[in-house]
Amino acid sequence: MKKQLQHTKRLRDIKEQKQQQIITRNKMHEKRIQSARARRYYNEYQVRARSKQLKRRTKEEMVSYSLSLLLRTDAIAY
């Protein structure tokens, strides 16, 4: 009887240990996925911000270039 109880307890402990390992593995997997999702979002954010900045700078350069051409033609006219 005592051996049977010990055996049952040992089997229960092994089963609980396996379940705990599965839970831990699932948590680590979810954490990795969430981290990758955050990293991907941040990288996309950086790309969008850099793109906006380049567009803004290009627009400013075009305006300053047009202005310099305008000033040159005005100077030539006088």
C-alpha atoms as a PDB file:
ATOM      1  CA  MET A   1       0.000   0.000   0.000  1.00  0.00           C
ATOM      2  CA  LYS A   2       2.780   2.440   0.942  1.00  0.00           C
ATOM      3  CA  LYS A   3       4.686   1.662  -2.272  1.00  0.00           C
ATOM      4  CA  GLN A   4       1.539   2.266  -4.278  1.00  0.00           C
ATOM      5  CA  LEU A   5       1.075   5.691  -2.652  1.00  0.00           C
ATOM      6  CA  GLN A   6       4.697   6.618  -3.283  1.00  0.00           C
ATOM      7  CA  HIS A   7       4.423   5.496  -6.885  1.00  0.00           C
ATOM      8  CA  THR A   8       1.223   7.500  -7.383  1.00  0.00           C
ATOM      9  CA  LYS A   9       2.819  10.555  -5.778  1.00  0.00           C
ATOM     10  CA  ARG A  10       5.901  10.234  -7.976  1.00  0.00           C
ATOM     11  CA  LEU A  11       3.739   9.951 -11.108  1.00  0.00           C
ATOM     12  CA  ARG A  12       1.728  13.000 -10.035  1.00  0.00           C
ATOM     13  CA  ASP A  13       4.937  14.957  -9.422  1.00  0.00           C
ATOM     14  CA  ILE A  14       6.296  14.005 -12.839  1.00  0.00           C
ATOM     15  CA  LYS A  15       3.025  15.019 -14.483  1.00  0.00           C
ATOM     16  CA  GLU A  16       2.997  18.375 -12.638  1.00  0.00           C
ATOM     17  CA  GLN A  17       6.633  18.969 -13.581  1.00  0.00           C
ATOM     18  CA  LYS A  18       5.863  18.351 -17.271  1.00  0.00           C
ATOM     19  CA  GLN A  19       2.889  20.701 -17.097  1.00  0.00           C
ATOM     20  CA  GLN A  20       5.049  23.364 -15.467  1.00  0.00           C
ATOM     21  CA  GLN A  21       7.676  22.956 -18.203  1.00  0.00           C
ATOM     22  CA  ILE A  22       5.009  23.364 -20.874  1.00  0.00           C
ATOM     23  CA  ILE A  23       3.639  26.483 -19.177  1.00  0.00           C
ATOM     24  CA  THR A  24       7.138  27.962 -18.884  1.00  0.00           C
ATOM     25  CA  ARG A  25       7.923  27.142 -22.522  1.00  0.00           C
ATOM     26  CA  ASN A  26       4.662  28.764 -23.665  1.00  0.00           C
ATOM     27  CA  LYS A  27       5.371  31.896 -21.610  1.00  0.00           C
ATOM     28  CA  MET A  28       8.870  32.199 -23.100  1.00  0.00           C
ATOM     29  CA  HIS A  29       7.473  31.709 -26.599  1.00  0.00           C
ATOM     30  CA  GLU A  30       4.818  34.381 -26.066  1.00  0.00           C
ATOM     31  CA  LYS A  31       7.417  36.746 -24.633  1.00  0.00           C
ATOM     32  CA  ARG A  32       9.647  36.252 -27.697  1.00  0.00           C
ATOM     33  CA  ILE A  33       6.722  36.865 -30.044  1.00  0.00           C
ATOM     34  CA  GLN A  34       5.720  40.017 -28.173  1.00  0.00           C
ATOM     35  CA  SER A  35       9.296  41.283 -28.204  1.00  0.00           C
ATOM     36  CA  ALA A  36       9.568  40.662 -31.953  1.00  0.00           C
ATOM     37  CA  ARG A  37       6.241  42.420 -32.517  1.00  0.00           C
ATOM     38  CA  ALA A  38       7.423  45.465 -30.530  1.00  0.00           C
ATOM     39  CA  ARG A  39      10.759  45.508 -32.369  1.00  0.00           C
ATOM     40  CA  ARG A  40       9.011  45.299 -35.750  1.00  0.00           C
ATOM     41  CA  TYR A  41       6.620  48.120 -34.800  1.00  0.00           C
ATOM     42  CA  TYR A  42       9.513  50.306 -33.627  1.00  0.00           C
ATOM     43  CA  ASN A  43      11.496  49.645 -36.819  1.00  0.00           C
ATOM     44  CA  GLU A  44       8.472  50.538 -38.959  1.00  0.00           C
ATOM     45  CA  TYR A  45       7.994  53.698 -36.876  1.00  0.00           C
ATOM     46  CA  GLN A  46      11.633  54.668 -37.439  1.00  0.00           C
ATOM     47  CA  VAL A  47      11.338  54.093 -41.182  1.00  0.00           C
ATOM     48  CA  ARG A  48       8.183  56.223 -41.382  1.00  0.00           C
ATOM     49  CA  ALA A  49       9.765  59.003 -39.313  1.00  0.00           C
ATOM     50  CA  ARG A  50      12.927  58.982 -41.435  1.00  0.00           C
ATOM     51  CA  SER A  51      10.826  59.068 -44.603  1.00  0.00           C
ATOM     52  CA  LYS A  52       8.841  62.064 -43.346  1.00  0.00           C
ATOM     53  CA  GLN A  53      12.046  63.840 -42.396  1.00  0.00           C
ATOM     54  CA  LEU A  54      13.600  63.234 -45.825  1.00  0.00           C
ATOM     55  CA  LYS A  55      10.443  64.464 -47.567  1.00  0.00           C
ATOM     56  CA  ARG A  56      10.423  67.577 -45.396  1.00  0.00           C
ATOM     57  CA  ARG A  57      14.102  68.223 -46.062  1.00  0.00           C
ATOM     58  CA  THR A  58      13.658  67.662 -49.803  1.00  0.00           C
ATOM     59  CA  LYS A  59      10.733  70.058 -49.849  1.00  0.00           C
ATOM     60  CA  GLU A  60      12.772  72.686 -47.970  1.00  0.00           C
ATOM     61  CA  GLU A  61      15.703  72.211 -50.350  1.00  0.00           C
ATOM     62  CA  MET A  62      13.416  72.611 -53.364  1.00  0.00           C
ATOM     63  CA  VAL A  63      11.958  75.800 -51.905  1.00  0.00           C
ATOM     64  CA  SER A  64      15.387  77.236 -51.134  1.00  0.00           C
ATOM     65  CA  TYR A  65      16.652  76.234 -54.601  1.00  0.00           C
ATOM     66  CA  SER A  66      13.634  77.844 -56.280  1.00  0.00           C
ATOM     67  CA  LEU A  67      14.109  80.931 -54.160  1.00  0.00           C
ATOM     68  CA  SER A  68      17.790  81.179 -55.111  1.00  0.00           C
ATOM     69  CA  LEU A  69      16.890  80.813 -58.807  1.00  0.00           C
ATOM     70  CA  LEU A  70      14.248  83.492 -58.417  1.00  0.00           C
ATOM     71  CA  LEU A  71      16.712  85.824 -56.729  1.00  0.00           C
ATOM     72  CA  ARG A  72      19.299  85.233 -59.473  1.00  0.00           C
ATOM     73  CA  THR A  73      16.823  85.985 -62.245  1.00  0.00           C
ATOM     74  CA  ASP A  74      15.697  89.119 -60.411  1.00  0.00           C
ATOM     75  CA  ALA A  75      19.317  90.238 -60.059  1.00  0.00           C
ATOM     76  CA  ILE A  76      19.958  89.620 -63.742  1.00  0.00           C
ATOM     77  CA  ALA A  77      16.842  91.585 -64.733  1.00  0.00           C
ATOM     78  CA  TYR A  78      17.994  94.679 -62.896  1.00  0.00           C
END
